[in-house]
Amino acid sequence: MNLSDSRIAGQPAESPGELSLRAQPLARLSAAEAVFNAIRADIESGRAAVGGKLSSEATLAHQYGVSRSVIREALRSCTALGLTVTKTGKGTFVVADKVANDLTLGQYSARELTEARPHIEVPAAGLAAQRRTDEQLETLRHIVDAMTAETDPESWVSLDSSFHAAIARASRNRVFASVVGDIRGALAHQSETLNMVADRQHASDVEHQRILAAIEAGSADEASAAMAAHLHAVGVALDSILNQ
């Protein structure tokens, strides 16, 4: 699938004032990554100027030859980076030509998650190693196996948040389970953006396998350490995005 430098024949005309984004080759990336990179490049270069409105999801989907769900995924990452804002019923507008100093992940920010998660998920992983049931362990195995085989980015992100929520439940601490359940949406947005911008999916798979192995072995110390290492790697990836 290629992105043409000109508008595709038969493509819906853009409304006055909408920004026409320069299309680029999709290369060897997922469709969402390629669209995101193209839109981000246009914004950061000034081709899509601050204050302007992007074309509609339907127009962008036709332009790039992808589904509207792919366009939504790319636009969510642009919003998370602070480049755009989507207004219900009005469209998506460019609000900055540089990445913000924090990511917006729905109700929470990336820095808030980075600060809070080690105090919740590290001890939760340790308790899960000690308290998990056979059924909970099987659930974790199933999720990790599915993540390793998953090629659809959106499905992988859903599995990722399910994995962390399942560990919190396996800790049998209702506070941990409730907190992780509350931030699942933000975690999904964060994973989606990190996979798209920092190519984190494979590394996360390996880190999740280590967490699972420690929980399976019943080692609280190793499970806590594996979770801490995973969260540290996530934090490093976030810093690499925000400090560009």
C-alpha atoms as a PDB file:
ATOM      1  CA  MET A   1       0.000   0.000   0.000  1.00  0.00           C
ATOM      2  CA  ASN A   2       1.447   3.353  -1.077  1.00  0.00           C
ATOM      3  CA  LEU A   3       0.540   6.892  -0.199  1.00  0.00           C
ATOM      4  CA  SER A   4       0.512   9.119  -3.247  1.00  0.00           C
ATOM      5  CA  ASP A   5       1.895  12.660  -3.190  1.00  0.00           C
ATOM      6  CA  SER A   6      -1.337  13.811  -4.825  1.00  0.00           C
ATOM      7  CA  ARG A   7      -4.952  13.341  -3.863  1.00  0.00           C
ATOM      8  CA  ILE A   8      -6.347   9.971  -4.921  1.00  0.00           C
ATOM      9  CA  ALA A   9      -8.669  10.140  -7.912  1.00  0.00           C
ATOM     10  CA  GLY A  10     -12.261  10.259  -6.774  1.00  0.00           C
ATOM     11  CA  GLN A  11     -11.297  11.306  -3.260  1.00  0.00           C
ATOM     12  CA  PRO A  12     -13.923  13.485  -1.534  1.00  0.00           C
ATOM     13  CA  ALA A  13     -13.165  17.168  -1.838  1.00  0.00           C
ATOM     14  CA  GLU A  14     -11.995  18.909   1.307  1.00  0.00           C
ATOM     15  CA  SER A  15     -14.061  21.615   2.910  1.00  0.00           C
ATOM     16  CA  PRO A  16     -12.716  25.170   2.777  1.00  0.00           C
ATOM     17  CA  GLY A  17     -10.132  25.786   5.453  1.00  0.00           C
ATOM     18  CA  GLU A  18      -9.217  22.108   5.883  1.00  0.00           C
ATOM     19  CA  LEU A  19      -5.555  21.158   5.684  1.00  0.00           C
ATOM     20  CA  SER A  20      -4.484  18.795   2.937  1.00  0.00           C
ATOM     21  CA  LEU A  21      -1.723  16.585   4.347  1.00  0.00           C
ATOM     22  CA  ARG A  22       1.086  15.471   2.072  1.00  0.00           C
ATOM     23  CA  ALA A  23       0.932  11.706   1.648  1.00  0.00           C
ATOM     24  CA  GLN A  24       4.062   9.569   2.050  1.00  0.00           C
ATOM     25  CA  PRO A  25       4.998   5.927   1.364  1.00  0.00           C
ATOM     26  CA  LEU A  26       3.855   3.536   4.070  1.00  0.00           C
ATOM     27  CA  ALA A  27       7.247   1.770   4.124  1.00  0.00           C
ATOM     28  CA  ARG A  28       7.547  -1.281   6.412  1.00  0.00           C
ATOM     29  CA  LEU A  29       5.392   0.002   9.226  1.00  0.00           C
ATOM     30  CA  SER A  30       1.895  -0.718  10.400  1.00  0.00           C
ATOM     31  CA  ALA A  31      -0.718   1.372   8.622  1.00  0.00           C
ATOM     32  CA  ALA A  32      -1.404   3.392  11.785  1.00  0.00           C
ATOM     33  CA  GLU A  33       2.314   4.088  12.318  1.00  0.00           C
ATOM     34  CA  ALA A  34       2.737   5.228   8.727  1.00  0.00           C
ATOM     35  CA  VAL A  35      -0.295   7.518   8.816  1.00  0.00           C
ATOM     36  CA  PHE A  36       0.776   8.901  12.187  1.00  0.00           C
ATOM     37  CA  ASN A  37       4.298   9.590  10.900  1.00  0.00           C
ATOM     38  CA  ALA A  38       2.913  11.336   7.820  1.00  0.00           C
ATOM     39  CA  ILE A  39       0.543  13.544   9.800  1.00  0.00           C
ATOM     40  CA  ARG A  40       3.168  14.324  12.431  1.00  0.00           C
ATOM     41  CA  ALA A  41       5.712  15.247   9.751  1.00  0.00           C
ATOM     42  CA  ASP A  42       3.243  17.622   8.117  1.00  0.00           C
ATOM     43  CA  ILE A  43       2.458  19.261  11.442  1.00  0.00           C
ATOM     44  CA  GLU A  44       6.061  19.634  12.582  1.00  0.00           C
ATOM     45  CA  SER A  45       7.170  20.962   9.187  1.00  0.00           C
ATOM     46  CA  GLY A  46       4.400  23.553   9.091  1.00  0.00           C
ATOM     47  CA  ARG A  47       2.618  22.093   6.075  1.00  0.00           C
ATOM     48  CA  ALA A  48      -0.304  21.586   8.438  1.00  0.00           C
ATOM     49  CA  ALA A  49      -0.257  24.904  10.225  1.00  0.00           C
ATOM     50  CA  VAL A  50      -1.129  25.552  13.853  1.00  0.00           C
ATOM     51  CA  GLY A  51      -4.741  26.650  14.066  1.00  0.00           C
ATOM     52  CA  GLY A  52      -5.756  24.740  10.965  1.00  0.00           C
ATOM     53  CA  LYS A  53      -8.262  21.918  10.747  1.00  0.00           C
ATOM     54  CA  LEU A  54      -7.272  18.493   9.477  1.00  0.00           C
ATOM     55  CA  SER A  55      -9.366  16.757   6.854  1.00  0.00           C
ATOM     56  CA  SER A  56     -12.197  14.562   8.100  1.00  0.00           C
ATOM     57  CA  GLU A  57     -11.571  10.960   9.136  1.00  0.00           C
ATOM     58  CA  ALA A  58     -13.370   9.754   6.029  1.00  0.00           C
ATOM     59  CA  THR A  59     -11.251  11.957   3.754  1.00  0.00           C
ATOM     60  CA  LEU A  60      -7.997  10.916   5.423  1.00  0.00           C
ATOM     61  CA  ALA A  61      -9.003   7.248   5.280  1.00  0.00           C
ATOM     62  CA  HIS A  62      -9.629   7.549   1.542  1.00  0.00           C
ATOM     63  CA  GLN A  63      -6.442   9.550   1.015  1.00  0.00           C
ATOM     64  CA  TYR A  64      -4.225   7.011   2.727  1.00  0.00           C
ATOM     65  CA  GLY A  65      -6.165   3.926   1.652  1.00  0.00           C
ATOM     66  CA  VAL A  66      -6.804   2.714   5.211  1.00  0.00           C
ATOM     67  CA  SER A  67      -9.804   2.219   7.485  1.00  0.00           C
ATOM     68  CA  ARG A  68     -11.212   4.982   9.654  1.00  0.00           C
ATOM     69  CA  SER A  69     -10.157   3.025  12.759  1.00  0.00           C
ATOM     70  CA  VAL A  70      -6.535   3.330  11.598  1.00  0.00           C
ATOM     71  CA  ILE A  71      -7.000   7.078  11.145  1.00  0.00           C
ATOM     72  CA  ARG A  72      -8.519   7.365  14.640  1.00  0.00           C
ATOM     73  CA  GLU A  73      -5.568   5.468  16.110  1.00  0.00           C
ATOM     74  CA  ALA A  74      -3.075   7.809  14.422  1.00  0.00           C
ATOM     75  CA  LEU A  75      -5.010  10.901  15.481  1.00  0.00           C
ATOM     76  CA  ARG A  76      -5.191   9.699  19.108  1.00  0.00           C
ATOM     77  CA  SER A  77      -1.399   9.582  19.187  1.00  0.00           C
ATOM     78  CA  CYS A  78      -1.177  13.067  17.676  1.00  0.00           C
ATOM     79  CA  THR A  79      -3.485  14.263  20.444  1.00  0.00           C
ATOM     80  CA  ALA A  80      -1.498  12.407  23.115  1.00  0.00           C
ATOM     81  CA  LEU A  81       1.642  14.183  21.926  1.00  0.00           C
ATOM     82  CA  GLY A  82      -0.129  17.524  22.254  1.00  0.00           C
ATOM     83  CA  LEU A  83      -0.058  18.241  18.515  1.00  0.00           C
ATOM     84  CA  THR A  84      -3.805  18.175  17.896  1.00  0.00           C
ATOM     85  CA  VAL A  85      -7.137  18.491  19.644  1.00  0.00           C
ATOM     86  CA  THR A  86     -10.302  16.745  18.487  1.00  0.00           C
ATOM     87  CA  LYS A  87     -13.559  18.570  19.139  1.00  0.00           C
ATOM     88  CA  THR A  88     -16.710  16.480  18.953  1.00  0.00           C
ATOM     89  CA  GLY A  89     -18.763  17.418  15.930  1.00  0.00           C
ATOM     90  CA  LYS A  90     -16.174  19.912  14.693  1.00  0.00           C
ATOM     91  CA  GLY A  91     -13.100  17.886  13.771  1.00  0.00           C
ATOM     92  CA  THR A  92      -9.398  17.733  14.621  1.00  0.00           C
ATOM     93  CA  PHE A  93      -7.348  20.908  14.868  1.00  0.00           C
ATOM     94  CA  VAL A  94      -3.572  21.472  14.989  1.00  0.00           C
ATOM     95  CA  VAL A  95      -2.657  23.204  18.247  1.00  0.00           C
ATOM     96  CA  ALA A  96       1.156  22.863  18.301  1.00  0.00           C
ATOM     97  CA  ASP A  97       4.021  22.029  15.966  1.00  0.00           C
ATOM     98  CA  LYS A  98       6.176  20.476  18.699  1.00  0.00           C
ATOM     99  CA  VAL A  99       5.609  17.584  21.094  1.00  0.00           C
ATOM    100  CA  ALA A 100       4.290  18.711  24.477  1.00  0.00           C
ATOM    101  CA  ASN A 101       6.331  18.301  27.659  1.00  0.00           C
ATOM    102  CA  ASP A 102       3.867  15.625  28.780  1.00  0.00           C
ATOM    103  CA  LEU A 103       1.451  13.226  27.132  1.00  0.00           C
ATOM    104  CA  THR A 104      -2.289  13.619  27.531  1.00  0.00           C
ATOM    105  CA  LEU A 105      -3.816  10.194  28.166  1.00  0.00           C
ATOM    106  CA  GLY A 106      -7.473  10.902  28.765  1.00  0.00           C
ATOM    107  CA  GLN A 107      -8.052  11.614  32.439  1.00  0.00           C
ATOM    108  CA  TYR A 108      -4.368  11.287  33.389  1.00  0.00           C
ATOM    109  CA  SER A 109      -1.002  12.366  32.042  1.00  0.00           C
ATOM    110  CA  ALA A 110       1.979  10.172  31.234  1.00  0.00           C
ATOM    111  CA  ARG A 111       4.050  11.697  34.027  1.00  0.00           C
ATOM    112  CA  GLU A 112       1.286  11.041  36.546  1.00  0.00           C
ATOM    113  CA  LEU A 113       1.192   7.396  35.483  1.00  0.00           C
ATOM    114  CA  THR A 114       4.981   7.136  35.577  1.00  0.00           C
ATOM    115  CA  GLU A 115       5.068   8.502  39.118  1.00  0.00           C
ATOM    116  CA  ALA A 116       2.204   6.362  40.435  1.00  0.00           C
ATOM    117  CA  ARG A 117       2.527   2.985  38.728  1.00  0.00           C
ATOM    118  CA  PRO A 118       5.676   1.737  40.540  1.00  0.00           C
ATOM    119  CA  HIS A 119       3.928   2.219  43.894  1.00  0.00           C
ATOM    120  CA  ILE A 120       0.968   0.142  42.731  1.00  0.00           C
ATOM    121  CA  GLU A 121       2.040  -2.406  40.149  1.00  0.00           C
ATOM    122  CA  VAL A 122       5.411  -3.447  41.596  1.00  0.00           C
ATOM    123  CA  PRO A 123       3.967  -4.646  44.948  1.00  0.00           C
ATOM    124  CA  ALA A 124       0.910  -6.006  43.100  1.00  0.00           C
ATOM    125  CA  ALA A 125       3.174  -8.213  40.984  1.00  0.00           C
ATOM    126  CA  GLY A 126       4.956  -9.476  44.092  1.00  0.00           C
ATOM    127  CA  LEU A 127       1.666 -10.327  45.792  1.00  0.00           C
ATOM    128  CA  ALA A 128       0.375 -11.965  42.604  1.00  0.00           C
ATOM    129  CA  ALA A 129       3.371 -14.316  42.661  1.00  0.00           C
ATOM    130  CA  GLN A 130       2.414 -15.388  46.177  1.00  0.00           C
ATOM    131  CA  ARG A 131      -1.373 -15.369  45.928  1.00  0.00           C
ATOM    132  CA  ARG A 132      -2.382 -16.123  42.338  1.00  0.00           C
ATOM    133  CA  THR A 133      -4.649 -19.076  41.715  1.00  0.00           C
ATOM    134  CA  ASP A 134      -4.065 -21.655  38.989  1.00  0.00           C
ATOM    135  CA  GLU A 135      -6.947 -20.132  37.068  1.00  0.00           C
ATOM    136  CA  GLN A 136      -5.452 -16.638  37.309  1.00  0.00           C
ATOM    137  CA  LEU A 137      -2.070 -17.953  36.192  1.00  0.00           C
ATOM    138  CA  GLU A 138      -3.715 -19.585  33.183  1.00  0.00           C
ATOM    139  CA  THR A 139      -5.395 -16.282  32.331  1.00  0.00           C
ATOM    140  CA  LEU A 140      -2.038 -14.497  32.423  1.00  0.00           C
ATOM    141  CA  ARG A 141      -0.456 -17.183  30.221  1.00  0.00           C
ATOM    142  CA  HIS A 142      -3.271 -16.875  27.719  1.00  0.00           C
ATOM    143  CA  ILE A 143      -2.907 -13.088  27.558  1.00  0.00           C
ATOM    144  CA  VAL A 144       0.877 -13.204  27.098  1.00  0.00           C
ATOM    145  CA  ASP A 145       0.609 -15.874  24.399  1.00  0.00           C
ATOM    146  CA  ALA A 146      -2.024 -13.830  22.607  1.00  0.00           C
ATOM    147  CA  MET A 147       0.085 -10.673  22.808  1.00  0.00           C
ATOM    148  CA  THR A 148       3.126 -12.420  21.358  1.00  0.00           C
ATOM    149  CA  ALA A 149       1.099 -13.633  18.386  1.00  0.00           C
ATOM    150  CA  GLU A 150      -0.962 -10.469  17.900  1.00  0.00           C
ATOM    151  CA  THR A 151      -0.255  -8.402  14.802  1.00  0.00           C
ATOM    152  CA  ASP A 152      -3.105  -5.916  15.125  1.00  0.00           C
ATOM    153  CA  PRO A 153      -1.832  -2.920  17.170  1.00  0.00           C
ATOM    154  CA  GLU A 154      -5.240  -2.034  18.585  1.00  0.00           C
ATOM    155  CA  SER A 155      -5.889  -5.600  19.766  1.00  0.00           C
ATOM    156  CA  TRP A 156      -2.406  -5.770  21.300  1.00  0.00           C
ATOM    157  CA  VAL A 157      -3.025  -2.593  23.289  1.00  0.00           C
ATOM    158  CA  SER A 158      -6.247  -4.070  24.693  1.00  0.00           C
ATOM    159  CA  LEU A 159      -4.397  -7.227  25.724  1.00  0.00           C
ATOM    160  CA  ASP A 160      -1.653  -5.142  27.339  1.00  0.00           C
ATOM    161  CA  SER A 161      -4.066  -3.325  29.640  1.00  0.00           C
ATOM    162  CA  SER A 162      -5.793  -6.652  30.381  1.00  0.00           C
ATOM    163  CA  PHE A 163      -2.453  -8.154  31.449  1.00  0.00           C
ATOM    164  CA  HIS A 164      -1.761  -5.425  33.978  1.00  0.00           C
ATOM    165  CA  ALA A 165      -5.327  -5.537  35.290  1.00  0.00           C
ATOM    166  CA  ALA A 166      -5.148  -9.332  35.645  1.00  0.00           C
ATOM    167  CA  ILE A 167      -1.968  -9.076  37.723  1.00  0.00           C
ATOM    168  CA  ALA A 168      -3.616  -6.535  40.017  1.00  0.00           C
ATOM    169  CA  ARG A 169      -6.586  -8.882  40.494  1.00  0.00           C
ATOM    170  CA  ALA A 170      -4.246 -11.812  41.134  1.00  0.00           C
ATOM    171  CA  SER A 171      -2.639  -9.816  43.959  1.00  0.00           C
ATOM    172  CA  ARG A 172      -5.970 -10.210  45.765  1.00  0.00           C
ATOM    173  CA  ASN A 173      -5.624  -6.673  47.013  1.00  0.00           C
ATOM    174  CA  ARG A 174      -8.809  -4.841  46.114  1.00  0.00           C
ATOM    175  CA  VAL A 175      -7.165  -1.424  46.314  1.00  0.00           C
ATOM    176  CA  PHE A 176      -4.536  -2.371  43.709  1.00  0.00           C
ATOM    177  CA  ALA A 177      -7.190  -4.001  41.527  1.00  0.00           C
ATOM    178  CA  SER A 178      -9.432  -0.947  41.744  1.00  0.00           C
ATOM    179  CA  VAL A 179      -6.678   1.552  40.959  1.00  0.00           C
ATOM    180  CA  VAL A 180      -5.333  -0.378  37.968  1.00  0.00           C
ATOM    181  CA  GLY A 181      -8.889  -0.854  36.734  1.00  0.00           C
ATOM    182  CA  ASP A 182      -9.424   2.892  36.971  1.00  0.00           C
ATOM    183  CA  ILE A 183      -6.345   3.738  34.891  1.00  0.00           C
ATOM    184  CA  ARG A 184      -6.804   1.019  32.244  1.00  0.00           C
ATOM    185  CA  GLY A 185      -7.967   3.502  29.642  1.00  0.00           C
ATOM    186  CA  ALA A 186      -4.955   5.741  30.192  1.00  0.00           C
ATOM    187  CA  LEU A 187      -2.622   2.725  30.091  1.00  0.00           C
ATOM    188  CA  ALA A 188      -4.099   1.706  26.746  1.00  0.00           C
ATOM    189  CA  HIS A 189      -3.585   5.208  25.309  1.00  0.00           C
ATOM    190  CA  GLN A 190      -0.012   5.228  26.615  1.00  0.00           C
ATOM    191  CA  SER A 191       0.829   1.831  25.120  1.00  0.00           C
ATOM    192  CA  GLU A 192      -0.720   2.815  21.806  1.00  0.00           C
ATOM    193  CA  THR A 193       1.400   5.961  21.610  1.00  0.00           C
ATOM    194  CA  LEU A 194       4.622   4.275  22.756  1.00  0.00           C
ATOM    195  CA  ASN A 195       4.199   1.485  20.218  1.00  0.00           C
ATOM    196  CA  MET A 196       3.625   4.001  17.450  1.00  0.00           C
ATOM    197  CA  VAL A 197       6.336   6.502  18.368  1.00  0.00           C
ATOM    198  CA  ALA A 198       8.952   4.420  20.207  1.00  0.00           C
ATOM    199  CA  ASP A 199       8.318   0.929  18.725  1.00  0.00           C
ATOM    200  CA  ARG A 200       7.797  -0.627  22.163  1.00  0.00           C
ATOM    201  CA  GLN A 201       5.612  -3.628  21.318  1.00  0.00           C
ATOM    202  CA  HIS A 202       8.272  -6.343  20.979  1.00  0.00           C
ATOM    203  CA  ALA A 203      10.228  -5.132  24.008  1.00  0.00           C
ATOM    204  CA  SER A 204       7.022  -5.113  26.066  1.00  0.00           C
ATOM    205  CA  ASP A 205       6.287  -8.694  25.010  1.00  0.00           C
ATOM    206  CA  VAL A 206       9.675  -9.814  26.337  1.00  0.00           C
ATOM    207  CA  GLU A 207       9.222  -7.878  29.582  1.00  0.00           C
ATOM    208  CA  HIS A 208       5.743  -9.318  30.105  1.00  0.00           C
ATOM    209  CA  GLN A 209       7.110 -12.835  29.605  1.00  0.00           C
ATOM    210  CA  ARG A 210       9.638 -12.209  32.394  1.00  0.00           C
ATOM    211  CA  ILE A 211       6.920 -10.935  34.716  1.00  0.00           C
ATOM    212  CA  LEU A 212       4.790 -13.975  33.952  1.00  0.00           C
ATOM    213  CA  ALA A 213       7.694 -16.377  34.531  1.00  0.00           C
ATOM    214  CA  ALA A 214       8.354 -14.871  37.963  1.00  0.00           C
ATOM    215  CA  ILE A 215       4.671 -15.030  38.933  1.00  0.00           C
ATOM    216  CA  GLU A 216       4.510 -18.613  37.701  1.00  0.00           C
ATOM    217  CA  ALA A 217       7.593 -19.476  39.782  1.00  0.00           C
ATOM    218  CA  GLY A 218       5.980 -17.947  42.854  1.00  0.00           C
ATOM    219  CA  SER A 219       8.874 -15.547  43.428  1.00  0.00           C
ATOM    220  CA  ALA A 220       7.628 -12.272  44.861  1.00  0.00           C
ATOM    221  CA  ASP A 221      11.056 -10.638  44.634  1.00  0.00           C
ATOM    222  CA  GLU A 222      11.573 -11.616  41.003  1.00  0.00           C
ATOM    223  CA  ALA A 223       8.046 -10.614  40.005  1.00  0.00           C
ATOM    224  CA  SER A 224       8.446  -7.220  41.668  1.00  0.00           C
ATOM    225  CA  ALA A 225      11.846  -6.726  40.018  1.00  0.00           C
ATOM    226  CA  ALA A 226      10.514  -7.730  36.590  1.00  0.00           C
ATOM    227  CA  MET A 227       7.605  -5.333  36.890  1.00  0.00           C
ATOM    228  CA  ALA A 228       9.927  -2.552  38.087  1.00  0.00           C
ATOM    229  CA  ALA A 229      12.209  -3.155  35.083  1.00  0.00           C
ATOM    230  CA  HIS A 230       9.232  -3.036  32.723  1.00  0.00           C
ATOM    231  CA  LEU A 231       7.933   0.235  34.164  1.00  0.00           C
ATOM    232  CA  HIS A 232      11.440   1.715  34.056  1.00  0.00           C
ATOM    233  CA  ALA A 233      11.710   0.840  30.354  1.00  0.00           C
ATOM    234  CA  VAL A 234       8.329   2.468  29.731  1.00  0.00           C
ATOM    235  CA  GLY A 235       9.548   5.585  31.522  1.00  0.00           C
ATOM    236  CA  VAL A 236      12.732   5.709  29.443  1.00  0.00           C
ATOM    237  CA  ALA A 237      10.683   5.421  26.253  1.00  0.00           C
ATOM    238  CA  LEU A 238       8.414   8.246  27.404  1.00  0.00           C
ATOM    239  CA  ASP A 239      11.414  10.443  28.174  1.00  0.00           C
ATOM    240  CA  SER A 240      12.820   9.782  24.698  1.00  0.00           C
ATOM    241  CA  ILE A 241       9.570  11.058  23.177  1.00  0.00           C
ATOM    242  CA  LEU A 242       9.147  14.096  25.405  1.00  0.00           C
ATOM    243  CA  ASN A 243      12.777  15.187  25.208  1.00  0.00           C
ATOM    244  CA  GLN A 244      13.026  15.106  21.408  1.00  0.00           C
END
